[in-house]
mmCIF file of all heavy atoms, coordinates in Angstrom:
data_MODEL
# 
_entry.id   MODEL 
# 
loop_
_atom_site.group_PDB 
_atom_site.id 
_atom_site.type_symbol 
_atom_site.label_atom_id 
_atom_site.label_alt_id 
_atom_site.label_comp_id 
_atom_site.label_asym_id 
_atom_site.label_entity_id 
_atom_site.label_seq_id 
_atom_site.pdbx_PDB_ins_code 
_atom_site.Cartn_x 
_atom_site.Cartn_y 
_atom_site.Cartn_z 
_atom_site.occupancy 
_atom_site.B_iso_or_equiv 
_atom_site.pdbx_formal_charge 
_atom_site.auth_seq_id 
_atom_site.auth_comp_id 
_atom_site.auth_asym_id 
_atom_site.auth_atom_id 
_atom_site.pdbx_PDB_model_num 
ATOM 1   N N   . ARG A 1 1  ? 93.040  90.474  79.631  1.00 0.00 ? 1  ARG A N   1 
ATOM 2   C CA  . ARG A 1 1  ? 93.713  91.229  80.676  1.00 0.00 ? 1  ARG A CA  1 
ATOM 3   C C   . ARG A 1 1  ? 92.943  91.127  81.986  1.00 0.00 ? 1  ARG A C   1 
ATOM 4   O O   . ARG A 1 1  ? 91.721  91.284  82.020  1.00 0.00 ? 1  ARG A O   1 
ATOM 5   C CB  . ARG A 1 1  ? 93.829  92.687  80.241  1.00 0.00 ? 1  ARG A CB  1 
ATOM 6   C CG  . ARG A 1 1  ? 94.655  93.560  81.167  1.00 0.00 ? 1  ARG A CG  1 
ATOM 7   C CD  . ARG A 1 1  ? 94.995  94.882  80.491  1.00 0.00 ? 1  ARG A CD  1 
ATOM 8   N NE  . ARG A 1 1  ? 95.900  94.689  79.370  1.00 0.00 ? 1  ARG A NE  1 
ATOM 9   C CZ  . ARG A 1 1  ? 96.274  95.649  78.531  1.00 0.00 ? 1  ARG A CZ  1 
ATOM 10  N NH1 . ARG A 1 1  ? 95.811  96.865  78.694  1.00 0.00 ? 1  ARG A NH1 1 
ATOM 11  N NH2 . ARG A 1 1  ? 97.100  95.375  77.546  1.00 0.00 ? 1  ARG A NH2 1 
ATOM 12  N N   . GLU A 1 2  ? 93.671  90.877  83.072  1.00 0.00 ? 2  GLU A N   1 
ATOM 13  C CA  . GLU A 1 2  ? 93.075  90.661  84.379  1.00 0.00 ? 2  GLU A CA  1 
ATOM 14  C C   . GLU A 1 2  ? 93.530  91.707  85.388  1.00 0.00 ? 2  GLU A C   1 
ATOM 15  O O   . GLU A 1 2  ? 94.722  92.008  85.489  1.00 0.00 ? 2  GLU A O   1 
ATOM 16  C CB  . GLU A 1 2  ? 93.447  89.268  84.879  1.00 0.00 ? 2  GLU A CB  1 
ATOM 17  C CG  . GLU A 1 2  ? 92.978  88.942  86.302  1.00 0.00 ? 2  GLU A CG  1 
ATOM 18  C CD  . GLU A 1 2  ? 93.546  87.632  86.817  1.00 0.00 ? 2  GLU A CD  1 
ATOM 19  O OE1 . GLU A 1 2  ? 94.497  87.105  86.208  1.00 0.00 ? 2  GLU A OE1 1 
ATOM 20  O OE2 . GLU A 1 2  ? 93.050  87.121  87.839  1.00 0.00 ? 2  GLU A OE2 1 
ATOM 21  N N   . PHE A 1 3  ? 92.607  92.228  86.132  1.00 0.00 ? 3  PHE A N   1 
ATOM 22  C CA  . PHE A 1 3  ? 92.918  93.215  87.166  1.00 0.00 ? 3  PHE A CA  1 
ATOM 23  C C   . PHE A 1 3  ? 93.625  92.551  88.340  1.00 0.00 ? 3  PHE A C   1 
ATOM 24  O O   . PHE A 1 3  ? 93.245  91.456  88.767  1.00 0.00 ? 3  PHE A O   1 
ATOM 25  C CB  . PHE A 1 3  ? 91.639  93.891  87.654  1.00 0.00 ? 3  PHE A CB  1 
ATOM 26  C CG  . PHE A 1 3  ? 91.842  94.759  88.873  1.00 0.00 ? 3  PHE A CG  1 
ATOM 27  C CD1 . PHE A 1 3  ? 92.510  95.968  88.786  1.00 0.00 ? 3  PHE A CD1 1 
ATOM 28  C CD2 . PHE A 1 3  ? 91.373  94.343  90.110  1.00 0.00 ? 3  PHE A CD2 1 
ATOM 29  C CE1 . PHE A 1 3  ? 92.708  96.762  89.904  1.00 0.00 ? 3  PHE A CE1 1 
ATOM 30  C CE2 . PHE A 1 3  ? 91.551  95.133  91.240  1.00 0.00 ? 3  PHE A CE2 1 
ATOM 31  C CZ  . PHE A 1 3  ? 92.222  96.335  91.130  1.00 0.00 ? 3  PHE A CZ  1 
ATOM 32  N N   . VAL A 1 4  ? 94.650  93.204  88.875  1.00 0.00 ? 4  VAL A N   1 
ATOM 33  C CA  . VAL A 1 4  ? 95.405  92.682  89.995  1.00 0.00 ? 4  VAL A CA  1 
ATOM 34  C C   . VAL A 1 4  ? 95.206  93.542  91.243  1.00 0.00 ? 4  VAL A C   1 
ATOM 35  O O   . VAL A 1 4  ? 94.769  93.055  92.286  1.00 0.00 ? 4  VAL A O   1 
ATOM 36  C CB  . VAL A 1 4  ? 96.904  92.596  89.666  1.00 0.00 ? 4  VAL A CB  1 
ATOM 37  C CG1 . VAL A 1 4  ? 97.700  92.154  90.897  1.00 0.00 ? 4  VAL A CG1 1 
ATOM 38  C CG2 . VAL A 1 4  ? 97.139  91.637  88.507  1.00 0.00 ? 4  VAL A CG2 1 
ATOM 39  N N   . ALA A 1 5  ? 95.522  94.823  91.144  1.00 0.00 ? 5  ALA A N   1 
ATOM 40  C CA  . ALA A 1 5  ? 95.422  95.724  92.289  1.00 0.00 ? 5  ALA A CA  1 
ATOM 41  C C   . ALA A 1 5  ? 95.464  97.171  91.826  1.00 0.00 ? 5  ALA A C   1 
ATOM 42  O O   . ALA A 1 5  ? 95.962  97.470  90.739  1.00 0.00 ? 5  ALA A O   1 
ATOM 43  C CB  . ALA A 1 5  ? 96.543  95.464  93.287  1.00 0.00 ? 5  ALA A CB  1 
ATOM 44  N N   . ALA A 1 6  ? 94.961  98.071  92.658  1.00 0.00 ? 6  ALA A N   1 
ATOM 45  C CA  . ALA A 1 6  ? 95.001  99.496  92.319  1.00 0.00 ? 6  ALA A CA  1 
ATOM 46  C C   . ALA A 1 6  ? 95.114  100.325 93.590  1.00 0.00 ? 6  ALA A C   1 
ATOM 47  O O   . ALA A 1 6  ? 94.743  99.886  94.681  1.00 0.00 ? 6  ALA A O   1 
ATOM 48  C CB  . ALA A 1 6  ? 93.756  99.904  91.532  1.00 0.00 ? 6  ALA A CB  1 
ATOM 49  N N   . ILE A 1 7  ? 95.613  101.542 93.431  1.00 0.00 ? 7  ILE A N   1 
ATOM 50  C CA  . ILE A 1 7  ? 95.775  102.454 94.549  1.00 0.00 ? 7  ILE A CA  1 
ATOM 51  C C   . ILE A 1 7  ? 95.483  103.883 94.100  1.00 0.00 ? 7  ILE A C   1 
ATOM 52  O O   . ILE A 1 7  ? 95.813  104.269 92.988  1.00 0.00 ? 7  ILE A O   1 
ATOM 53  C CB  . ILE A 1 7  ? 97.210  102.346 95.148  1.00 0.00 ? 7  ILE A CB  1 
ATOM 54  C CG1 . ILE A 1 7  ? 97.347  103.233 96.388  1.00 0.00 ? 7  ILE A CG1 1 
ATOM 55  C CG2 . ILE A 1 7  ? 98.253  102.729 94.097  1.00 0.00 ? 7  ILE A CG2 1 
ATOM 56  C CD1 . ILE A 1 7  ? 98.660  103.014 97.139  1.00 0.00 ? 7  ILE A CD1 1 
ATOM 57  N N   . ASN A 1 8  ? 94.832  104.631 94.972  1.00 0.00 ? 8  ASN A N   1 
ATOM 58  C CA  . ASN A 1 8  ? 94.641  106.051 94.738  1.00 0.00 ? 8  ASN A CA  1 
ATOM 59  C C   . ASN A 1 8  ? 95.870  106.749 95.289  1.00 0.00 ? 8  ASN A C   1 
ATOM 60  O O   . ASN A 1 8  ? 96.163  106.667 96.491  1.00 0.00 ? 8  ASN A O   1 
ATOM 61  C CB  . ASN A 1 8  ? 93.384  106.551 95.451  1.00 0.00 ? 8  ASN A CB  1 
ATOM 62  C CG  . ASN A 1 8  ? 93.152  108.040 95.255  1.00 0.00 ? 8  ASN A CG  1 
ATOM 63  O OD1 . ASN A 1 8  ? 93.874  108.873 95.795  1.00 0.00 ? 8  ASN A OD1 1 
ATOM 64  N ND2 . ASN A 1 8  ? 92.134  108.383 94.459  1.00 0.00 ? 8  ASN A ND2 1 
ATOM 65  N N   . TRP A 1 9  ? 96.628  107.399 94.419  1.00 0.00 ? 9  TRP A N   1 
ATOM 66  C CA  . TRP A 1 9  ? 97.911  107.965 94.804  1.00 0.00 ? 9  TRP A CA  1 
ATOM 67  C C   . TRP A 1 9  ? 97.811  108.958 95.949  1.00 0.00 ? 9  TRP A C   1 
ATOM 68  O O   . TRP A 1 9  ? 98.590  108.892 96.905  1.00 0.00 ? 9  TRP A O   1 
ATOM 69  C CB  . TRP A 1 9  ? 98.579  108.648 93.606  1.00 0.00 ? 9  TRP A CB  1 
ATOM 70  C CG  . TRP A 1 9  ? 99.889  109.274 93.929  1.00 0.00 ? 9  TRP A CG  1 
ATOM 71  C CD1 . TRP A 1 9  ? 100.116 110.571 94.275  1.00 0.00 ? 9  TRP A CD1 1 
ATOM 72  C CD2 . TRP A 1 9  ? 101.163 108.622 93.969  1.00 0.00 ? 9  TRP A CD2 1 
ATOM 73  N NE1 . TRP A 1 9  ? 101.470 110.767 94.506  1.00 0.00 ? 9  TRP A NE1 1 
ATOM 74  C CE2 . TRP A 1 9  ? 102.128 109.582 94.337  1.00 0.00 ? 9  TRP A CE2 1 
ATOM 75  C CE3 . TRP A 1 9  ? 101.573 107.308 93.727  1.00 0.00 ? 9  TRP A CE3 1 
ATOM 76  C CZ2 . TRP A 1 9  ? 103.478 109.288 94.459  1.00 0.00 ? 9  TRP A CZ2 1 
ATOM 77  C CZ3 . TRP A 1 9  ? 102.922 107.004 93.849  1.00 0.00 ? 9  TRP A CZ3 1 
ATOM 78  C CH2 . TRP A 1 9  ? 103.857 107.984 94.208  1.00 0.00 ? 9  TRP A CH2 1 
ATOM 79  N N   . SER A 1 10 ? 96.889  109.876 95.889  1.00 0.00 ? 10 SER A N   1 
ATOM 80  C CA  . SER A 1 10 ? 96.798  110.941 96.886  1.00 0.00 ? 10 SER A CA  1 
ATOM 81  C C   . SER A 1 10 ? 96.247  110.454 98.229  1.00 0.00 ? 10 SER A C   1 
ATOM 82  O O   . SER A 1 10 ? 96.738  110.859 99.289  1.00 0.00 ? 10 SER A O   1 
ATOM 83  C CB  . SER A 1 10 ? 95.919  112.075 96.365  1.00 0.00 ? 10 SER A CB  1 
ATOM 84  O OG  . SER A 1 10 ? 96.491  112.678 95.214  1.00 0.00 ? 10 SER A OG  1 
ATOM 85  N N   . ILE A 1 11 ? 95.257  109.601 98.192  1.00 0.00 ? 11 ILE A N   1 
ATOM 86  C CA  . ILE A 1 11 ? 94.595  109.139 99.408  1.00 0.00 ? 11 ILE A CA  1 
ATOM 87  C C   . ILE A 1 11 ? 95.248  107.894 99.991  1.00 0.00 ? 11 ILE A C   1 
ATOM 88  O O   . ILE A 1 11 ? 95.294  107.704 101.205 1.00 0.00 ? 11 ILE A O   1 
ATOM 89  C CB  . ILE A 1 11 ? 93.100  108.876 99.144  1.00 0.00 ? 11 ILE A CB  1 
ATOM 90  C CG1 . ILE A 1 11 ? 92.429  110.144 98.640  1.00 0.00 ? 11 ILE A CG1 1 
ATOM 91  C CG2 . ILE A 1 11 ? 92.407  108.383 100.406 1.00 0.00 ? 11 ILE A CG2 1 
ATOM 92  C CD1 . ILE A 1 11 ? 90.977  109.941 98.212  1.00 0.00 ? 11 ILE A CD1 1 
ATOM 93  N N   . GLY A 1 12 ? 95.761  107.031 99.114  1.00 0.00 ? 12 GLY A N   1 
ATOM 94  C CA  . GLY A 1 12 ? 96.387  105.809 99.569  1.00 0.00 ? 12 GLY A CA  1 
ATOM 95  C C   . GLY A 1 12 ? 95.443  104.624 99.679  1.00 0.00 ? 12 GLY A C   1 
ATOM 96  O O   . GLY A 1 12 ? 95.842  103.547 100.111 1.00 0.00 ? 12 GLY A O   1 
ATOM 97  N N   . MET A 1 13 ? 94.195  104.813 99.277  1.00 0.00 ? 13 MET A N   1 
ATOM 98  C CA  . MET A 1 13 ? 93.214  103.741 99.319  1.00 0.00 ? 13 MET A CA  1 
ATOM 99  C C   . MET A 1 13 ? 93.571  102.672 98.294  1.00 0.00 ? 13 MET A C   1 
ATOM 100 O O   . MET A 1 13 ? 93.924  102.986 97.160  1.00 0.00 ? 13 MET A O   1 
ATOM 101 C CB  . MET A 1 13 ? 91.827  104.294 99.044  1.00 0.00 ? 13 MET A CB  1 
ATOM 102 C CG  . MET A 1 13 ? 90.693  103.282 99.167  1.00 0.00 ? 13 MET A CG  1 
ATOM 103 S SD  . MET A 1 13 ? 89.085  104.044 98.789  1.00 0.00 ? 13 MET A SD  1 
ATOM 104 C CE  . MET A 1 13 ? 89.021  105.313 100.070 1.00 0.00 ? 13 MET A CE  1 
ATOM 105 N N   . THR A 1 14 ? 93.474  101.414 98.693  1.00 0.00 ? 14 THR A N   1 
ATOM 106 C CA  . THR A 1 14 ? 93.838  100.309 97.819  1.00 0.00 ? 14 THR A CA  1 
ATOM 107 C C   . THR A 1 14 ? 92.679  99.355  97.596  1.00 0.00 ? 14 THR A C   1 
ATOM 108 O O   . THR A 1 14 ? 91.743  99.282  98.398  1.00 0.00 ? 14 THR A O   1 
ATOM 109 C CB  . THR A 1 14 ? 95.011  99.508  98.392  1.00 0.00 ? 14 THR A CB  1 
ATOM 110 O OG1 . THR A 1 14 ? 94.644  98.983  99.677  1.00 0.00 ? 14 THR A OG1 1 
ATOM 111 C CG2 . THR A 1 14 ? 96.245  100.394 98.561  1.00 0.00 ? 14 THR A CG2 1 
ATOM 112 N N   . THR A 1 15 ? 92.757  98.604  96.506  1.00 0.00 ? 15 THR A N   1 
ATOM 113 C CA  . THR A 1 15 ? 91.758  97.590  96.207  1.00 0.00 ? 15 THR A CA  1 
ATOM 114 C C   . THR A 1 15 ? 92.466  96.445  95.491  1.00 0.00 ? 15 THR A C   1 
ATOM 115 O O   . THR A 1 15 ? 93.425  96.661  94.740  1.00 0.00 ? 15 THR A O   1 
ATOM 116 C CB  . THR A 1 15 ? 90.608  98.143  95.350  1.00 0.00 ? 15 THR A CB  1 
ATOM 117 O OG1 . THR A 1 15 ? 89.625  97.111  95.162  1.00 0.00 ? 15 THR A OG1 1 
ATOM 118 C CG2 . THR A 1 15 ? 91.108  98.604  93.985  1.00 0.00 ? 15 THR A CG2 1 
ATOM 119 N N   . TYR A 1 16 ? 91.985  95.204  95.732  1.00 0.00 ? 16 TYR A N   1 
ATOM 120 C CA  . TYR A 1 16 ? 92.642  94.026  95.185  1.00 0.00 ? 16 TYR A CA  1 
ATOM 121 C C   . TYR A 1 16 ? 91.649  93.083  94.555  1.00 0.00 ? 16 TYR A C   1 
ATOM 122 O O   . TYR A 1 16 ? 90.476  93.041  94.930  1.00 0.00 ? 16 TYR A O   1 
ATOM 123 C CB  . TYR A 1 16 ? 93.385  93.274  96.285  1.00 0.00 ? 16 TYR A CB  1 
ATOM 124 C CG  . TYR A 1 16 ? 94.486  94.039  96.958  1.00 0.00 ? 16 TYR A CG  1 
ATOM 125 C CD1 . TYR A 1 16 ? 94.226  94.796  98.112  1.00 0.00 ? 16 TYR A CD1 1 
ATOM 126 C CD2 . TYR A 1 16 ? 95.770  94.032  96.460  1.00 0.00 ? 16 TYR A CD2 1 
ATOM 127 C CE1 . TYR A 1 16 ? 95.237  95.511  98.729  1.00 0.00 ? 16 TYR A CE1 1 
ATOM 128 C CE2 . TYR A 1 16 ? 96.779  94.749  97.067  1.00 0.00 ? 16 TYR A CE2 1 
ATOM 129 C CZ  . TYR A 1 16 ? 96.515  95.484  98.202  1.00 0.00 ? 16 TYR A CZ  1 
ATOM 130 O OH  . TYR A 1 16 ? 97.524  96.184  98.816  1.00 0.00 ? 16 TYR A OH  1 
ATOM 131 N N   . ALA A 1 17 ? 92.142  92.285  93.614  1.00 0.00 ? 17 ALA A N   1 
ATOM 132 C CA  . ALA A 1 17 ? 91.335  91.221  93.042  1.00 0.00 ? 17 ALA A CA  1 
ATOM 133 C C   . ALA A 1 17 ? 91.201  90.126  94.100  1.00 0.00 ? 17 ALA A C   1 
ATOM 134 O O   . ALA A 1 17 ? 92.194  89.700  94.690  1.00 0.00 ? 17 ALA A O   1 
ATOM 135 C CB  . ALA A 1 17 ? 91.996  90.677  91.780  1.00 0.00 ? 17 ALA A CB  1 
ATOM 136 N N   . ASP A 1 18 ? 89.969  89.671  94.329  1.00 0.00 ? 18 ASP A N   1 
ATOM 137 C CA  . ASP A 1 18 ? 89.723  88.658  95.356  1.00 0.00 ? 18 ASP A CA  1 
ATOM 138 C C   . ASP A 1 18 ? 90.472  87.357  95.085  1.00 0.00 ? 18 ASP A C   1 
ATOM 139 O O   . ASP A 1 18 ? 90.892  86.663  96.010  1.00 0.00 ? 18 ASP A O   1 
ATOM 140 C CB  . ASP A 1 18 ? 88.225  88.358  95.445  1.00 0.00 ? 18 ASP A CB  1 
ATOM 141 C CG  . ASP A 1 18 ? 87.428  89.517  95.999  1.00 0.00 ? 18 ASP A CG  1 
ATOM 142 O OD1 . ASP A 1 18 ? 88.013  90.369  96.707  1.00 0.00 ? 18 ASP A OD1 1 
ATOM 143 O OD2 . ASP A 1 18 ? 86.211  89.579  95.745  1.00 0.00 ? 18 ASP A OD2 1 
ATOM 144 N N   . SER A 1 19 ? 90.659  87.043  93.825  1.00 0.00 ? 19 SER A N   1 
ATOM 145 C CA  . SER A 1 19 ? 91.288  85.773  93.456  1.00 0.00 ? 19 SER A CA  1 
ATOM 146 C C   . SER A 1 19 ? 92.757  85.656  93.884  1.00 0.00 ? 19 SER A C   1 
ATOM 147 O O   . SER A 1 19 ? 93.300  84.562  93.950  1.00 0.00 ? 19 SER A O   1 
ATOM 148 C CB  . SER A 1 19 ? 91.193  85.560  91.946  1.00 0.00 ? 19 SER A CB  1 
ATOM 149 O OG  . SER A 1 19 ? 91.854  86.572  91.236  1.00 0.00 ? 19 SER A OG  1 
ATOM 150 N N   . LEU A 1 20 ? 93.380  86.763  94.178  1.00 0.00 ? 20 LEU A N   1 
ATOM 151 C CA  . LEU A 1 20 ? 94.794  86.728  94.544  1.00 0.00 ? 20 LEU A CA  1 
ATOM 152 C C   . LEU A 1 20 ? 95.016  86.375  96.009  1.00 0.00 ? 20 LEU A C   1 
ATOM 153 O O   . LEU A 1 20 ? 96.150  86.165  96.437  1.00 0.00 ? 20 LEU A O   1 
ATOM 154 C CB  . LEU A 1 20 ? 95.465  88.051  94.195  1.00 0.00 ? 20 LEU A CB  1 
ATOM 155 C CG  . LEU A 1 20 ? 95.562  88.306  92.685  1.00 0.00 ? 20 LEU A CG  1 
ATOM 156 C CD1 . LEU A 1 20 ? 96.033  89.717  92.402  1.00 0.00 ? 20 LEU A CD1 1 
ATOM 157 C CD2 . LEU A 1 20 ? 96.486  87.285  92.052  1.00 0.00 ? 20 LEU A CD2 1 
ATOM 158 N N   . LYS A 1 21 ? 93.949  86.331  96.786  1.00 0.00 ? 21 LYS A N   1 
ATOM 159 C CA  . LYS A 1 21 ? 93.961  85.817  98.158  1.00 0.00 ? 21 LYS A CA  1 
ATOM 160 C C   . LYS A 1 21 ? 95.066  86.364  99.052  1.00 0.00 ? 21 LYS A C   1 
ATOM 161 O O   . LYS A 1 21 ? 95.724  85.615  99.775  1.00 0.00 ? 21 LYS A O   1 
ATOM 162 C CB  . LYS A 1 21 ? 94.032  84.295  98.112  1.00 0.00 ? 21 LYS A CB  1 
ATOM 163 C CG  . LYS A 1 21 ? 92.896  83.650  97.350  1.00 0.00 ? 21 LYS A CG  1 
ATOM 164 C CD  . LYS A 1 21 ? 93.062  82.137  97.288  1.00 0.00 ? 21 LYS A CD  1 
ATOM 165 C CE  . LYS A 1 21 ? 91.937  81.491  96.520  1.00 0.00 ? 21 LYS A CE  1 
ATOM 166 N NZ  . LYS A 1 21 ? 92.089  80.004  96.434  1.00 0.00 ? 21 LYS A NZ  1 
ATOM 167 N N   . GLY A 1 22 ? 95.296  87.660  99.000  1.00 0.00 ? 22 GLY A N   1 
ATOM 168 C CA  . GLY A 1 22 ? 96.258  88.277  99.887  1.00 0.00 ? 22 GLY A CA  1 
ATOM 169 C C   . GLY A 1 22 ? 97.715  88.053  99.523  1.00 0.00 ? 22 GLY A C   1 
ATOM 170 O O   . GLY A 1 22 ? 98.600  88.344  100.340 1.00 0.00 ? 22 GLY A O   1 
ATOM 171 N N   . ARG A 1 23 ? 97.993  87.545  98.352  1.00 0.00 ? 23 ARG A N   1 
ATOM 172 C CA  . ARG A 1 23 ? 99.370  87.283  97.936  1.00 0.00 ? 23 ARG A CA  1 
ATOM 173 C C   . ARG A 1 23 ? 100.052 88.510  97.341  1.00 0.00 ? 23 ARG A C   1 
ATOM 174 O O   . ARG A 1 23 ? 101.255 88.468  97.098  1.00 0.00 ? 23 ARG A O   1 
ATOM 175 C CB  . ARG A 1 23 ? 99.427  86.137  96.934  1.00 0.00 ? 23 ARG A CB  1 
ATOM 176 C CG  . ARG A 1 23 ? 99.040  84.785  97.511  1.00 0.00 ? 23 ARG A CG  1 
ATOM 177 C CD  . ARG A 1 23 ? 99.376  83.641  96.551  1.00 0.00 ? 23 ARG A CD  1 
ATOM 178 N NE  . ARG A 1 23 ? 98.602  83.731  95.315  1.00 0.00 ? 23 ARG A NE  1 
ATOM 179 C CZ  . ARG A 1 23 ? 99.123  83.939  94.115  1.00 0.00 ? 23 ARG A CZ  1 
ATOM 180 N NH1 . ARG A 1 23 ? 100.433 84.084  93.983  1.00 0.00 ? 23 ARG A NH1 1 
ATOM 181 N NH2 . ARG A 1 23 ? 98.344  83.992  93.054  1.00 0.00 ? 23 ARG A NH2 1 
ATOM 182 N N   . VAL A 1 24 ? 99.307  89.564  97.123  1.00 0.00 ? 24 VAL A N   1 
ATOM 183 C CA  . VAL A 1 24 ? 99.886  90.768  96.532  1.00 0.00 ? 24 VAL A CA  1 
ATOM 184 C C   . VAL A 1 24 ? 99.604  91.989  97.392  1.00 0.00 ? 24 VAL A C   1 
ATOM 185 O O   . VAL A 1 24 ? 98.588  92.051  98.087  1.00 0.00 ? 24 VAL A O   1 
ATOM 186 C CB  . VAL A 1 24 ? 99.365  91.014  95.099  1.00 0.00 ? 24 VAL A CB  1 
ATOM 187 C CG1 . VAL A 1 24 ? 99.676  89.821  94.203  1.00 0.00 ? 24 VAL A CG1 1 
ATOM 188 C CG2 . VAL A 1 24 ? 97.859  91.279  95.103  1.00 0.00 ? 24 VAL A CG2 1 
ATOM 189 N N   . THR A 1 25 ? 100.517 92.943  97.334  1.00 0.00 ? 25 THR A N   1 
ATOM 190 C CA  . THR A 1 25 ? 100.371 94.195  98.066  1.00 0.00 ? 25 THR A CA  1 
ATOM 191 C C   . THR A 1 25 ? 100.803 95.330  97.158  1.00 0.00 ? 25 THR A C   1 
ATOM 192 O O   . THR A 1 25 ? 101.910 95.308  96.607  1.00 0.00 ? 25 THR A O   1 
ATOM 193 C CB  . THR A 1 25 ? 101.221 94.220  99.340  1.00 0.00 ? 25 THR A CB  1 
ATOM 194 O OG1 . THR A 1 25 ? 100.845 93.140  100.201 1.00 0.00 ? 25 THR A OG1 1 
ATOM 195 C CG2 . THR A 1 25 ? 101.004 95.529  100.087 1.00 0.00 ? 25 THR A CG2 1 
ATOM 196 N N   . ILE A 1 26 ? 99.944  96.313  96.997  1.00 0.00 ? 26 ILE A N   1 
ATOM 197 C CA  . ILE A 1 26 ? 100.282 97.481  96.192  1.00 0.00 ? 26 ILE A CA  1 
ATOM 198 C C   . ILE A 1 26 ? 100.605 98.635  97.124  1.00 0.00 ? 26 ILE A C   1 
ATOM 199 O O   . ILE A 1 26 ? 99.963  98.814  98.167  1.00 0.00 ? 26 ILE A O   1 
ATOM 200 C CB  . ILE A 1 26 ? 99.134  97.845  95.213  1.00 0.00 ? 26 ILE A CB  1 
ATOM 201 C CG1 . ILE A 1 26 ? 99.594  98.918  94.234  1.00 0.00 ? 26 ILE A CG1 1 
ATOM 202 C CG2 . ILE A 1 26 ? 97.895  98.302  95.973  1.00 0.00 ? 26 ILE A CG2 1 
ATOM 203 C CD1 . ILE A 1 26 ? 98.613  99.134  93.072  1.00 0.00 ? 26 ILE A CD1 1 
# 
């Protein structure tokens, strides 16, 4: 299993896997 992206629901802070090179948005 590989991590893709995550978001903190209340704050809205996001984080992404570097390997996806900006191709995804959460």
